[in-house]
C-alpha atoms as a PDB file:
ATOM      1  CA  MET A   1      -0.833 -12.949  26.312  1.00  0.00           C
ATOM      2  CA  ASN A   2       1.056 -14.230  29.379  1.00  0.00           C
ATOM      3  CA  GLU A   3       4.747 -13.583  30.012  1.00  0.00           C
ATOM      4  CA  GLU A   4       5.859 -17.006  28.766  1.00  0.00           C
ATOM      5  CA  ALA A   5       3.868 -16.630  25.556  1.00  0.00           C
ATOM      6  CA  ALA A   6       5.246 -13.137  25.032  1.00  0.00           C
ATOM      7  CA  ARG A   7       8.775 -14.535  25.095  1.00  0.00           C
ATOM      8  CA  ARG A   8       7.909 -17.250  22.554  1.00  0.00           C
ATOM      9  CA  ARG A   9       8.284 -16.385  18.880  1.00  0.00           C
ATOM     10  CA  VAL A  10       4.922 -15.795  17.214  1.00  0.00           C
ATOM     11  CA  THR A  11       4.264 -18.291  14.401  1.00  0.00           C
ATOM     12  CA  VAL A  12       1.789 -18.632  11.535  1.00  0.00           C
ATOM     13  CA  HIS A  13      -0.085 -21.127  13.724  1.00  0.00           C
ATOM     14  CA  ASP A  14      -0.675 -18.349  16.268  1.00  0.00           C
ATOM     15  CA  VAL A  15      -1.892 -16.010  13.520  1.00  0.00           C
ATOM     16  CA  ALA A  16      -4.272 -18.642  12.131  1.00  0.00           C
ATOM     17  CA  ARG A  17      -5.636 -19.393  15.604  1.00  0.00           C
ATOM     18  CA  ALA A  18      -6.144 -15.728  16.470  1.00  0.00           C
ATOM     19  CA  ALA A  19      -7.864 -14.983  13.138  1.00  0.00           C
ATOM     20  CA  GLY A  20      -9.926 -18.168  13.194  1.00  0.00           C
ATOM     21  CA  VAL A  21      -8.722 -19.291   9.760  1.00  0.00           C
ATOM     22  CA  SER A  22      -6.649 -22.084   8.273  1.00  0.00           C
ATOM     23  CA  LEU A  23      -2.888 -22.060   7.802  1.00  0.00           C
ATOM     24  CA  ALA A  24      -3.462 -22.080   4.032  1.00  0.00           C
ATOM     25  CA  THR A  25      -5.459 -18.848   4.312  1.00  0.00           C
ATOM     26  CA  VAL A  26      -2.718 -17.179   6.343  1.00  0.00           C
ATOM     27  CA  ASP A  27      -0.187 -18.282   3.724  1.00  0.00           C
ATOM     28  CA  ARG A  28      -2.303 -16.792   0.910  1.00  0.00           C
ATOM     29  CA  VAL A  29      -2.568 -13.478   2.729  1.00  0.00           C
ATOM     30  CA  LEU A  30       1.151 -13.350   3.556  1.00  0.00           C
ATOM     31  CA  ASN A  31       2.100 -14.021  -0.054  1.00  0.00           C
ATOM     32  CA  GLY A  32      -0.549 -11.792  -1.637  1.00  0.00           C
ATOM     33  CA  ARG A  33      -2.232 -14.653  -3.486  1.00  0.00           C
ATOM     34  CA  PRO A  34      -5.899 -14.522  -4.556  1.00  0.00           C
ATOM     35  CA  GLY A  35      -8.747 -16.576  -3.128  1.00  0.00           C
ATOM     36  CA  VAL A  36      -9.228 -14.784   0.208  1.00  0.00           C
ATOM     37  CA  ARG A  37     -12.265 -12.610   0.921  1.00  0.00           C
ATOM     38  CA  ALA A  38     -11.507  -9.020   1.908  1.00  0.00           C
ATOM     39  CA  ALA A  39     -13.070  -9.450   5.349  1.00  0.00           C
ATOM     40  CA  THR A  40     -11.011 -12.576   5.998  1.00  0.00           C
ATOM     41  CA  ALA A  41      -7.800 -10.895   4.841  1.00  0.00           C
ATOM     42  CA  GLU A  42      -8.585  -8.017   7.186  1.00  0.00           C
ATOM     43  CA  LYS A  43      -8.967 -10.461  10.104  1.00  0.00           C
ATOM     44  CA  VAL A  44      -5.596 -12.000   9.292  1.00  0.00           C
ATOM     45  CA  GLY A  45      -4.026  -8.530   9.061  1.00  0.00           C
ATOM     46  CA  GLU A  46      -5.465  -7.575  12.444  1.00  0.00           C
ATOM     47  CA  ALA A  47      -4.123 -10.784  14.005  1.00  0.00           C
ATOM     48  CA  ILE A  48      -0.664 -10.162  12.523  1.00  0.00           C
ATOM     49  CA  ALA A  49      -0.628  -6.628  13.926  1.00  0.00           C
ATOM     50  CA  ALA A  50      -1.955  -7.664  17.346  1.00  0.00           C
ATOM     51  CA  LEU A  51       0.541 -10.516  17.736  1.00  0.00           C
ATOM     52  CA  GLY A  52       3.496  -8.639  16.249  1.00  0.00           C
ATOM     53  CA  PHE A  53       4.112 -11.451  13.759  1.00  0.00           C
ATOM     54  CA  SER A  54       6.974 -11.166  11.270  1.00  0.00           C
ATOM     55  CA  ARG A  55       8.720 -13.703   9.108  1.00  0.00           C
ATOM     56  CA  ASP A  56      12.263 -14.612   9.982  1.00  0.00           C
ATOM     57  CA  LEU A  57      14.018 -13.409   6.862  1.00  0.00           C
ATOM     58  CA  ASN A  58      17.433 -14.090   8.382  1.00  0.00           C
ATOM     59  CA  ALA A  59      16.509 -17.763   8.718  1.00  0.00           C
ATOM     60  CA  SER A  60      15.432 -17.755   5.076  1.00  0.00           C
ATOM     61  CA  LEU A  61      18.772 -16.245   4.118  1.00  0.00           C
ATOM     62  CA  MET A  62      20.692 -18.881   6.040  1.00  0.00           C
ATOM     63  CA  ALA A  63      18.766 -21.608   4.216  1.00  0.00           C
ATOM     64  CA  ARG A  64      19.825 -20.309   0.798  1.00  0.00           C
ATOM     65  CA  ALA A  65      22.671 -21.879  -1.117  1.00  0.00           C
ATOM     66  CA  ARG A  66      24.215 -18.483  -1.855  1.00  0.00           C
ATOM     67  CA  ASP A  67      24.102 -14.905  -0.594  1.00  0.00           C
ATOM     68  CA  LEU A  68      21.695 -12.310  -1.963  1.00  0.00           C
ATOM     69  CA  LYS A  69      23.150  -9.944  -4.533  1.00  0.00           C
ATOM     70  CA  VAL A  70      21.673  -6.487  -5.100  1.00  0.00           C
ATOM     71  CA  VAL A  71      22.842  -4.039  -7.785  1.00  0.00           C
ATOM     72  CA  PHE A  72      22.060  -0.310  -7.585  1.00  0.00           C
ATOM     73  CA  PHE A  73      22.085   1.625 -10.879  1.00  0.00           C
ATOM     74  CA  ILE A  74      22.589   5.284  -9.939  1.00  0.00           C
ATOM     75  CA  PRO A  75      23.115   8.206 -12.349  1.00  0.00           C
ATOM     76  CA  ASP A  76      26.516   9.873 -12.526  1.00  0.00           C
ATOM     77  CA  GLY A  77      27.524  13.288 -13.803  1.00  0.00           C
ATOM     78  CA  GLY A  78      27.698  15.913 -11.090  1.00  0.00           C
ATOM     79  CA  ASN A  79      24.314  15.405  -9.415  1.00  0.00           C
ATOM     80  CA  GLU A  80      25.161  15.788  -5.725  1.00  0.00           C
ATOM     81  CA  PHE A  81      22.024  13.973  -4.561  1.00  0.00           C
ATOM     82  CA  MET A  82      22.821  10.943  -6.710  1.00  0.00           C
ATOM     83  CA  ASP A  83      26.337  10.983  -5.263  1.00  0.00           C
ATOM     84  CA  SER A  84      24.825  10.934  -1.780  1.00  0.00           C
ATOM     85  CA  LEU A  85      22.699   7.900  -2.718  1.00  0.00           C
ATOM     86  CA  ALA A  86      25.790   6.059  -3.959  1.00  0.00           C
ATOM     87  CA  GLU A  87      27.630   6.979  -0.766  1.00  0.00           C
ATOM     88  CA  ALA A  88      24.696   5.707   1.307  1.00  0.00           C
ATOM     89  CA  VAL A  89      24.899   2.345  -0.479  1.00  0.00           C
ATOM     90  CA  GLU A  90      28.632   2.187   0.211  1.00  0.00           C
ATOM     91  CA  ARG A  91      28.057   2.812   3.925  1.00  0.00           C
ATOM     92  CA  ARG A  92      25.752  -0.206   4.088  1.00  0.00           C
ATOM     93  CA  VAL A  93      28.025  -2.675   2.293  1.00  0.00           C
ATOM     94  CA  GLY A  94      29.680  -3.946   5.479  1.00  0.00           C
ATOM     95  CA  SER A  95      26.542  -4.395   7.560  1.00  0.00           C
ATOM     96  CA  ALA A  96      24.766  -6.056   4.620  1.00  0.00           C
ATOM     97  CA  LEU A  97      27.544  -8.628   4.339  1.00  0.00           C
ATOM     98  CA  ALA A  98      26.780  -9.688   7.897  1.00  0.00           C
ATOM     99  CA  ASP A  99      23.243 -10.450   6.658  1.00  0.00           C
ATOM    100  CA  ARG A 100      24.576 -12.374   3.649  1.00  0.00           C
ATOM    101  CA  MET A 101      23.750  -9.601   1.206  1.00  0.00           C
ATOM    102  CA  HIS A 102      26.192  -8.227  -1.355  1.00  0.00           C
ATOM    103  CA  LEU A 103      25.497  -4.641  -2.416  1.00  0.00           C
ATOM    104  CA  SER A 104      27.169  -3.079  -5.439  1.00  0.00           C
ATOM    105  CA  THR A 105      26.719   0.202  -7.310  1.00  0.00           C
ATOM    106  CA  ARG A 106      26.993   0.929 -11.015  1.00  0.00           C
ATOM    107  CA  ARG A 107      27.086   4.593 -12.035  1.00  0.00           C
ATOM    108  CA  ILE A 108      25.327   5.326 -15.327  1.00  0.00           C
ATOM    109  CA  ARG A 109      25.575   8.637 -17.176  1.00  0.00           C
ATOM    110  CA  ALA A 110      22.547  10.732 -16.229  1.00  0.00           C
ATOM    111  CA  LEU A 111      19.565  10.322 -18.586  1.00  0.00           C
ATOM    112  CA  ASP A 112      21.473   7.747 -20.686  1.00  0.00           C
ATOM    113  CA  THR A 113      18.605   5.294 -21.107  1.00  0.00           C
ATOM    114  CA  GLY A 114      20.573   3.135 -23.541  1.00  0.00           C
ATOM    115  CA  ALA A 115      23.343   2.513 -21.010  1.00  0.00           C
ATOM    116  CA  LEU A 116      20.868   1.681 -18.247  1.00  0.00           C
ATOM    117  CA  ALA A 117      18.859  -0.658 -20.491  1.00  0.00           C
ATOM    118  CA  ALA A 118      22.070  -2.413 -21.520  1.00  0.00           C
ATOM    119  CA  GLY A 119      23.093  -2.723 -17.869  1.00  0.00           C
ATOM    120  CA  LEU A 120      19.785  -4.326 -16.943  1.00  0.00           C
ATOM    121  CA  ASP A 121      19.870  -6.628 -19.979  1.00  0.00           C
ATOM    122  CA  GLY A 122      23.360  -7.769 -18.978  1.00  0.00           C
ATOM    123  CA  LEU A 123      22.348  -8.936 -15.503  1.00  0.00           C
ATOM    124  CA  ASP A 124      22.575 -12.685 -14.960  1.00  0.00           C
ATOM    125  CA  PRO A 125      19.980 -14.066 -12.506  1.00  0.00           C
ATOM    126  CA  ALA A 126      22.617 -16.516 -11.297  1.00  0.00           C
ATOM    127  CA  HIS A 127      24.588 -13.526  -9.974  1.00  0.00           C
ATOM    128  CA  CYS A 128      21.898 -10.899  -9.262  1.00  0.00           C
ATOM    129  CA  ASP A 129      18.706 -11.215  -7.245  1.00  0.00           C
ATOM    130  CA  CYS A 130      17.515  -7.609  -7.306  1.00  0.00           C
ATOM    131  CA  ALA A 131      18.231  -4.463  -9.331  1.00  0.00           C
ATOM    132  CA  VAL A 132      17.445  -1.009  -7.928  1.00  0.00           C
ATOM    133  CA  ILE A 133      17.235   1.692 -10.588  1.00  0.00           C
ATOM    134  CA  VAL A 134      16.879   5.473 -10.881  1.00  0.00           C
ATOM    135  CA  THR A 135      15.507   6.180 -14.322  1.00  0.00           C
ATOM    136  CA  SER A 136      13.261   8.138 -16.665  1.00  0.00           C
ATOM    137  CA  GLU A 137      10.228   6.673 -18.436  1.00  0.00           C
ATOM    138  CA  GLU A 138      11.391   5.440 -21.823  1.00  0.00           C
ATOM    139  CA  PRO A 139      10.220   2.408 -23.871  1.00  0.00           C
ATOM    140  CA  GLU A 140      13.637   0.757 -23.837  1.00  0.00           C
ATOM    141  CA  ILE A 141      13.790   0.989 -20.022  1.00  0.00           C
ATOM    142  CA  VAL A 142      10.305  -0.497 -19.691  1.00  0.00           C
ATOM    143  CA  ALA A 143      11.344  -3.355 -21.982  1.00  0.00           C
ATOM    144  CA  ALA A 144      14.561  -3.951 -20.018  1.00  0.00           C
ATOM    145  CA  VAL A 145      12.667  -3.984 -16.700  1.00  0.00           C
ATOM    146  CA  ASP A 146      10.157  -6.480 -18.077  1.00  0.00           C
ATOM    147  CA  SER A 147      12.945  -8.661 -19.473  1.00  0.00           C
ATOM    148  CA  ALA A 148      14.853  -8.678 -16.169  1.00  0.00           C
ATOM    149  CA  THR A 149      11.661  -9.602 -14.307  1.00  0.00           C
ATOM    150  CA  ARG A 150      11.003 -12.523 -16.671  1.00  0.00           C
ATOM    151  CA  ARG A 151      14.543 -13.754 -15.995  1.00  0.00           C
ATOM    152  CA  GLY A 152      13.784 -13.841 -12.270  1.00  0.00           C
ATOM    153  CA  ILE A 153      15.445 -10.585 -11.196  1.00  0.00           C
ATOM    154  CA  ALA A 154      13.338  -8.388  -8.919  1.00  0.00           C
ATOM    155  CA  VAL A 155      13.454  -4.761 -10.121  1.00  0.00           C
ATOM    156  CA  MET A 156      12.769  -1.837  -7.807  1.00  0.00           C
ATOM    157  CA  THR A 157      12.608   1.871  -8.641  1.00  0.00           C
ATOM    158  CA  LEU A 158      14.264   4.519  -6.495  1.00  0.00           C
ATOM    159  CA  VAL A 159      13.457   8.268  -6.367  1.00  0.00           C
ATOM    160  CA  SER A 160      11.407   8.210  -9.614  1.00  0.00           C
ATOM    161  CA  ASP A 161       8.829   5.504 -10.298  1.00  0.00           C
ATOM    162  CA  LEU A 162       7.782   3.423 -13.322  1.00  0.00           C
ATOM    163  CA  PRO A 163       4.149   2.564 -12.586  1.00  0.00           C
ATOM    164  CA  GLY A 164       2.440   0.247 -15.034  1.00  0.00           C
ATOM    165  CA  THR A 165       5.603  -1.807 -15.558  1.00  0.00           C
ATOM    166  CA  SER A 166       6.691  -5.083 -13.972  1.00  0.00           C
ATOM    167  CA  ARG A 167       8.821  -3.267 -11.379  1.00  0.00           C
ATOM    168  CA  GLN A 168       7.949  -4.731  -7.989  1.00  0.00           C
ATOM    169  CA  HIS A 169       8.374  -1.826  -5.577  1.00  0.00           C
ATOM    170  CA  PHE A 170       9.101   1.912  -5.402  1.00  0.00           C
ATOM    171  CA  ILE A 171      11.138   3.735  -2.760  1.00  0.00           C
ATOM    172  CA  GLY A 172      10.858   7.520  -2.642  1.00  0.00           C
ATOM    173  CA  ILE A 173       8.865  10.493  -1.500  1.00  0.00           C
ATOM    174  CA  ASP A 174       5.416  11.499  -2.728  1.00  0.00           C
ATOM    175  CA  ASN A 175       6.654  13.836  -5.455  1.00  0.00           C
ATOM    176  CA  VAL A 176       3.243  15.398  -6.131  1.00  0.00           C
ATOM    177  CA  ALA A 177       3.102  16.307  -2.431  1.00  0.00           C
ATOM    178  CA  ALA A 178       6.610  17.764  -2.684  1.00  0.00           C
ATOM    179  CA  GLY A 179       5.512  20.049  -5.512  1.00  0.00           C
ATOM    180  CA  ARG A 180       2.410  21.063  -3.584  1.00  0.00           C
ATOM    181  CA  THR A 181       4.593  21.887  -0.580  1.00  0.00           C
ATOM    182  CA  ALA A 182       6.868  24.110  -2.677  1.00  0.00           C
ATOM    183  CA  ALA A 183       3.879  25.991  -4.101  1.00  0.00           C
ATOM    184  CA  SER A 184       2.265  26.409  -0.695  1.00  0.00           C
ATOM    185  CA  LEU A 185       5.451  27.914   0.724  1.00  0.00           C
ATOM    186  CA  LEU A 186       6.118  30.220  -2.234  1.00  0.00           C
ATOM    187  CA  GLY A 187       2.503  31.377  -2.265  1.00  0.00           C
ATOM    188  CA  ARG A 188       2.888  32.460   1.343  1.00  0.00           C
ATOM    189  CA  PHE A 189       6.212  34.149   0.548  1.00  0.00           C
ATOM    190  CA  LEU A 190       4.436  36.215  -2.131  1.00  0.00           C
ATOM    191  CA  PRO A 191       1.150  37.475  -0.588  1.00  0.00           C
ATOM    192  CA  GLN A 192       0.925  40.279  -3.147  1.00  0.00           C
ATOM    193  CA  GLY A 193       1.590  37.923  -6.052  1.00  0.00           C
ATOM    194  CA  GLY A 194       4.537  37.803  -8.402  1.00  0.00           C
ATOM    195  CA  THR A 195       6.298  35.728 -11.047  1.00  0.00           C
ATOM    196  CA  VAL A 196       7.837  32.309 -10.301  1.00  0.00           C
ATOM    197  CA  ALA A 197      10.245  30.616 -12.714  1.00  0.00           C
ATOM    198  CA  VAL A 198      10.375  26.814 -12.653  1.00  0.00           C
ATOM    199  CA  ILE A 199      13.509  24.899 -13.618  1.00  0.00           C
ATOM    200  CA  ALA A 200      13.245  21.124 -14.165  1.00  0.00           C
ATOM    201  CA  GLY A 201      15.914  18.578 -14.950  1.00  0.00           C
ATOM    202  CA  SER A 202      13.809  16.633 -17.439  1.00  0.00           C
ATOM    203  CA  LEU A 203      10.061  16.202 -17.646  1.00  0.00           C
ATOM    204  CA  HIS A 204      10.747  12.652 -18.895  1.00  0.00           C
ATOM    205  CA  LEU A 205      11.597  11.929 -15.245  1.00  0.00           C
ATOM    206  CA  ARG A 206       8.370  11.038 -13.475  1.00  0.00           C
ATOM    207  CA  ASP A 207       9.484  12.606 -10.188  1.00  0.00           C
ATOM    208  CA  HIS A 208      10.074  15.953 -11.940  1.00  0.00           C
ATOM    209  CA  ALA A 209       6.783  15.773 -13.846  1.00  0.00           C
ATOM    210  CA  GLU A 210       4.909  14.926 -10.641  1.00  0.00           C
ATOM    211  CA  ARG A 211       6.514  17.799  -8.721  1.00  0.00           C
ATOM    212  CA  LEU A 212       5.463  20.189 -11.474  1.00  0.00           C
ATOM    213  CA  GLU A 213       1.939  18.750 -11.407  1.00  0.00           C
ATOM    214  CA  GLY A 214       1.642  19.291  -7.658  1.00  0.00           C
ATOM    215  CA  PHE A 215       3.199  22.769  -7.874  1.00  0.00           C
ATOM    216  CA  ARG A 216       0.815  23.951 -10.586  1.00  0.00           C
ATOM    217  CA  SER A 217      -2.255  22.516  -8.885  1.00  0.00           C
ATOM    218  CA  VAL A 218      -1.707  24.478  -5.654  1.00  0.00           C
ATOM    219  CA  LEU A 219      -0.841  27.731  -7.436  1.00  0.00           C
ATOM    220  CA  GLU A 220      -4.016  27.477  -9.524  1.00  0.00           C
ATOM    221  CA  ARG A 221      -6.155  26.595  -6.526  1.00  0.00           C
ATOM    222  CA  ASP A 222      -4.803  28.872  -3.802  1.00  0.00           C
ATOM    223  CA  PHE A 223      -2.473  31.476  -5.310  1.00  0.00           C
ATOM    224  CA  SER A 224      -3.912  32.674  -8.606  1.00  0.00           C
ATOM    225  CA  GLN A 225      -2.045  35.963  -8.104  1.00  0.00           C
ATOM    226  CA  VAL A 226       1.236  34.119  -8.842  1.00  0.00           C
ATOM    227  CA  THR A 227       2.334  33.843 -12.493  1.00  0.00           C
ATOM    228  CA  LEU A 228       4.349  30.839 -13.671  1.00  0.00           C
ATOM    229  CA  LEU A 229       7.330  31.032 -16.042  1.00  0.00           C
ATOM    230  CA  GLY A 230       8.636  27.854 -17.647  1.00  0.00           C
ATOM    231  CA  PRO A 231       9.397  25.112 -16.949  1.00  0.00           C
ATOM    232  CA  TYR A 232      12.930  25.400 -18.293  1.00  0.00           C
ATOM    233  CA  GLU A 233      14.851  22.117 -18.647  1.00  0.00           C
ATOM    234  CA  SER A 234      18.420  22.014 -17.321  1.00  0.00           C
ATOM    235  CA  HIS A 235      19.077  18.260 -17.674  1.00  0.00           C
ATOM    236  CA  ASP A 236      20.250  18.491 -14.051  1.00  0.00           C
ATOM    237  CA  ASN A 237      23.481  20.019 -15.323  1.00  0.00           C
ATOM    238  CA  PRO A 238      25.050  22.679 -13.022  1.00  0.00           C
ATOM    239  CA  GLU A 239      26.424  24.750 -15.916  1.00  0.00           C
ATOM    240  CA  THR A 240      23.095  24.748 -17.759  1.00  0.00           C
ATOM    241  CA  THR A 241      21.256  25.580 -14.539  1.00  0.00           C
ATOM    242  CA  GLN A 242      23.651  28.453 -13.860  1.00  0.00           C
ATOM    243  CA  SER A 243      23.124  29.831 -17.362  1.00  0.00           C
ATOM    244  CA  LEU A 244      19.331  29.603 -17.040  1.00  0.00           C
ATOM    245  CA  ALA A 245      19.317  31.216 -13.602  1.00  0.00           C
ATOM    246  CA  THR A 246      21.666  34.016 -14.684  1.00  0.00           C
ATOM    247  CA  GLU A 247      19.430  34.875 -17.620  1.00  0.00           C
ATOM    248  CA  LEU A 248      16.333  34.797 -15.422  1.00  0.00           C
ATOM    249  CA  VAL A 249      17.671  37.092 -12.689  1.00  0.00           C
ATOM    250  CA  ASP A 250      19.278  39.473 -15.211  1.00  0.00           C
ATOM    251  CA  LYS A 251      16.441  39.790 -17.740  1.00  0.00           C
ATOM    252  CA  GLN A 252      13.270  39.075 -15.760  1.00  0.00           C
ATOM    253  CA  THR A 253      13.151  42.203 -13.640  1.00  0.00           C
ATOM    254  CA  GLN A 254       9.727  41.243 -12.283  1.00  0.00           C
ATOM    255  CA  LEU A 255      10.982  37.805 -11.185  1.00  0.00           C
ATOM    256  CA  SER A 256       9.872  37.106  -7.613  1.00  0.00           C
ATOM    257  CA  ALA A 257      10.937  33.485  -7.080  1.00  0.00           C
ATOM    258  CA  ILE A 258      12.621  30.417  -8.548  1.00  0.00           C
ATOM    259  CA  TYR A 259      11.602  26.807  -7.927  1.00  0.00           C
ATOM    260  CA  ASN A 260      14.227  24.305  -9.078  1.00  0.00           C
ATOM    261  CA  LEU A 261      12.482  20.949  -8.911  1.00  0.00           C
ATOM    262  CA  GLY A 262      15.521  19.085 -10.216  1.00  0.00           C
ATOM    263  CA  ALA A 263      19.267  19.134  -9.529  1.00  0.00           C
ATOM    264  CA  GLY A 264      22.142  21.346 -10.728  1.00  0.00           C
ATOM    265  CA  ASN A 265      21.854  23.512  -7.629  1.00  0.00           C
ATOM    266  CA  ALA A 266      25.576  24.344  -7.505  1.00  0.00           C
ATOM    267  CA  GLY A 267      25.020  26.374 -10.669  1.00  0.00           C
ATOM    268  CA  LEU A 268      21.856  27.976  -9.326  1.00  0.00           C
ATOM    269  CA  VAL A 269      23.592  29.112  -6.136  1.00  0.00           C
ATOM    270  CA  SER A 270      26.546  30.509  -8.084  1.00  0.00           C
ATOM    271  CA  ALA A 271      24.237  32.486 -10.374  1.00  0.00           C
ATOM    272  CA  LEU A 272      22.282  33.961  -7.489  1.00  0.00           C
ATOM    273  CA  GLU A 273      25.351  34.826  -5.424  1.00  0.00           C
ATOM    274  CA  ALA A 274      26.878  36.576  -8.445  1.00  0.00           C
ATOM    275  CA  SER A 275      23.765  38.736  -8.828  1.00  0.00           C
ATOM    276  CA  ASP A 276      22.554  41.576  -6.638  1.00  0.00           C
ATOM    277  CA  ARG A 277      19.216  39.839  -5.998  1.00  0.00           C
ATOM    278  CA  VAL A 278      20.023  37.476  -3.117  1.00  0.00           C
ATOM    279  CA  GLY A 279      17.161  37.756  -0.652  1.00  0.00           C
ATOM    280  CA  GLU A 280      15.017  39.590  -3.191  1.00  0.00           C
ATOM    281  CA  VAL A 281      14.251  36.487  -5.286  1.00  0.00           C
ATOM    282  CA  ARG A 282      12.738  33.699  -3.167  1.00  0.00           C
ATOM    283  CA  VAL A 283      14.191  30.275  -3.952  1.00  0.00           C
ATOM    284  CA  ILE A 284      13.060  26.737  -3.173  1.00  0.00           C
ATOM    285  CA  VAL A 285      15.080  23.692  -4.245  1.00  0.00           C
ATOM    286  CA  HIS A 286      15.319  19.963  -3.568  1.00  0.00           C
ATOM    287  CA  GLU A 287      17.885  17.860  -1.662  1.00  0.00           C
ATOM    288  CA  LEU A 288      20.144  18.919   1.185  1.00  0.00           C
ATOM    289  CA  THR A 289      23.620  18.748  -0.375  1.00  0.00           C
ATOM    290  CA  ALA A 290      26.812  20.773   0.009  1.00  0.00           C
ATOM    291  CA  PRO A 291      25.715  23.408  -2.581  1.00  0.00           C
ATOM    292  CA  THR A 292      22.204  23.797  -1.138  1.00  0.00           C
ATOM    293  CA  ARG A 293      23.630  24.081   2.391  1.00  0.00           C
ATOM    294  CA  ARG A 294      25.874  26.836   1.114  1.00  0.00           C
ATOM    295  CA  GLY A 295      22.893  28.517  -0.500  1.00  0.00           C
ATOM    296  CA  LEU A 296      20.870  28.388   2.717  1.00  0.00           C
ATOM    297  CA  LEU A 297      23.737  29.882   4.696  1.00  0.00           C
ATOM    298  CA  SER A 298      24.371  32.675   2.182  1.00  0.00           C
ATOM    299  CA  GLY A 299      20.679  33.519   1.818  1.00  0.00           C
ATOM    300  CA  ALA A 300      20.583  32.560  -1.864  1.00  0.00           C
ATOM    301  CA  ILE A 301      18.152  29.710  -1.034  1.00  0.00           C
ATOM    302  CA  ASP A 302      15.160  30.041   1.279  1.00  0.00           C
ATOM    303  CA  VAL A 303      13.976  26.426   1.597  1.00  0.00           C
ATOM    304  CA  VAL A 304      15.350  22.980   0.779  1.00  0.00           C
ATOM    305  CA  LEU A 305      12.952  20.030   0.453  1.00  0.00           C
ATOM    306  CA  ASP A 306      14.926  16.889   1.291  1.00  0.00           C
ATOM    307  CA  GLN A 307      14.230  13.172   0.904  1.00  0.00           C
ATOM    308  CA  ASN A 308      16.912  11.594   3.135  1.00  0.00           C
ATOM    309  CA  PRO A 309      19.175   9.412   0.953  1.00  0.00           C
ATOM    310  CA  ASP A 310      20.269   7.231   3.887  1.00  0.00           C
ATOM    311  CA  GLY A 311      16.638   6.482   4.712  1.00  0.00           C
ATOM    312  CA  GLU A 312      15.887   5.620   1.094  1.00  0.00           C
ATOM    313  CA  ILE A 313      18.788   3.213   0.790  1.00  0.00           C
ATOM    314  CA  ARG A 314      17.914   1.591   4.137  1.00  0.00           C
ATOM    315  CA  GLU A 315      14.368   0.949   2.948  1.00  0.00           C
ATOM    316  CA  ALA A 316      15.604  -0.211  -0.466  1.00  0.00           C
ATOM    317  CA  VAL A 317      17.894  -2.815   1.121  1.00  0.00           C
ATOM    318  CA  THR A 318      15.056  -4.050   3.341  1.00  0.00           C
ATOM    319  CA  ALA A 319      12.698  -4.285   0.369  1.00  0.00           C
ATOM    320  CA  ALA A 320      15.313  -6.016  -1.802  1.00  0.00           C
ATOM    321  CA  ARG A 321      15.748  -8.731   0.795  1.00  0.00           C
ATOM    322  CA  VAL A 322      12.001  -9.364   1.002  1.00  0.00           C
ATOM    323  CA  LEU A 323      11.563  -9.359  -2.779  1.00  0.00           C
ATOM    324  CA  ALA A 324      14.475 -11.705  -3.381  1.00  0.00           C
ATOM    325  CA  LEU A 325      13.385 -14.186  -0.712  1.00  0.00           C
ATOM    326  CA  GLY A 326       9.681 -14.181  -1.513  1.00  0.00           C
ATOM    327  CA  PRO A 327       8.695 -13.068  -5.023  1.00  0.00           C
ATOM    328  CA  GLY A 328       5.145 -11.739  -5.069  1.00  0.00           C
ATOM    329  CA  ARG A 329       4.983 -11.319  -1.310  1.00  0.00           C
ATOM    330  CA  ALA A 330       2.927  -8.369  -0.142  1.00  0.00           C
ATOM    331  CA  PHE A 331       4.858  -6.004   2.123  1.00  0.00           C
ATOM    332  CA  ALA A 332       5.268  -2.357   2.973  1.00  0.00           C
ATOM    333  CA  THR A 333       8.275  -0.150   3.689  1.00  0.00           C
ATOM    334  CA  HIS A 334       8.378   2.928   5.884  1.00  0.00           C
ATOM    335  CA  PRO A 335       7.341   6.060   3.952  1.00  0.00           C
ATOM    336  CA  ILE A 336      10.094   8.483   3.021  1.00  0.00           C
ATOM    337  CA  GLU A 337       9.164  11.767   4.671  1.00  0.00           C
ATOM    338  CA  ILE A 338       9.755  15.142   3.019  1.00  0.00           C
ATOM    339  CA  GLY A 339      12.178  17.163   5.129  1.00  0.00           C
ATOM    340  CA  ILE A 340      11.870  20.965   5.110  1.00  0.00           C
ATOM    341  CA  PHE A 341      15.088  22.837   5.847  1.00  0.00           C
ATOM    342  CA  LEU A 342      15.754  26.527   6.325  1.00  0.00           C
ATOM    343  CA  ARG A 343      18.949  28.210   7.418  1.00  0.00           C
ATOM    344  CA  ASP A 344      17.573  28.104  10.990  1.00  0.00           C
ATOM    345  CA  ASN A 345      17.207  24.313  11.283  1.00  0.00           C
ATOM    346  CA  LEU A 346      20.192  22.959   9.325  1.00  0.00           C
ATOM    347  CA  ARG A 347      21.247  19.663  10.833  1.00  0.00           C
END
């Protein structure tokens, strides 16, 4: 491509020419519609990548009669990671306005499926283009997601997915991989074997169930010398988590490690720091928050697996814009990487 062509914006005509196909074929591929052979779709994909083609979503926004409106439903109730997600949305409100997007957040009591379903059912497609939800898998949520989709509202899941529903995209880490990572680390911490207690928020949350699945699979495959206790459900409540952890460290004298795959880590840290077993019991938790930072610094926590709330909200806003402007369009967001933090590499 010569210098003049490089400066010119790449169009669908360029993609069609480079792939040797019609404009209609390029349009089908871009919008994920059927009727294109796999080999042809691959040619179009290669041409798009080689030319650096992308649709001008800002131009599409400017052509709309009204701004895009995106509503985030985020659990409330003392979960520091959920608070950080809500704060990340708030930080993007101003910049989104410049792109003609209105972001708002509604806090729903944690694990209150009725309140979330009612919130989704109350959305008016005249005033909401996309809903982003953090939720457990319950029939009333599935029904509310399907209903919102039929009304023309794009629904996206955040942190924990709802596969098999009409939700249109998921933003989050690979939670099975996160569980595998926790098991791989703890297995190496305990070369002689030992007993690991698992605390979960709720196994009705797919992300928690998937972390447990990944954790168990690696222990069974690579570290059969490690015995599993639990899982114990804390409902992501700090007081419940503290009570569970206190009982574990006081009564389970053979306890070697704790893996908290949910939230409530303020309670976990308090229980450990109040015991005489800091440093003796290995601990892995999720999400880099104020309590888990404190735990890393005090030695109560060994490793924090983090999923970058700012990165998740950035990708969610990008995906919401694409979904709202082109329903059914095939697209991909950047993967959310699993961060691994120890006291030595705190940012």
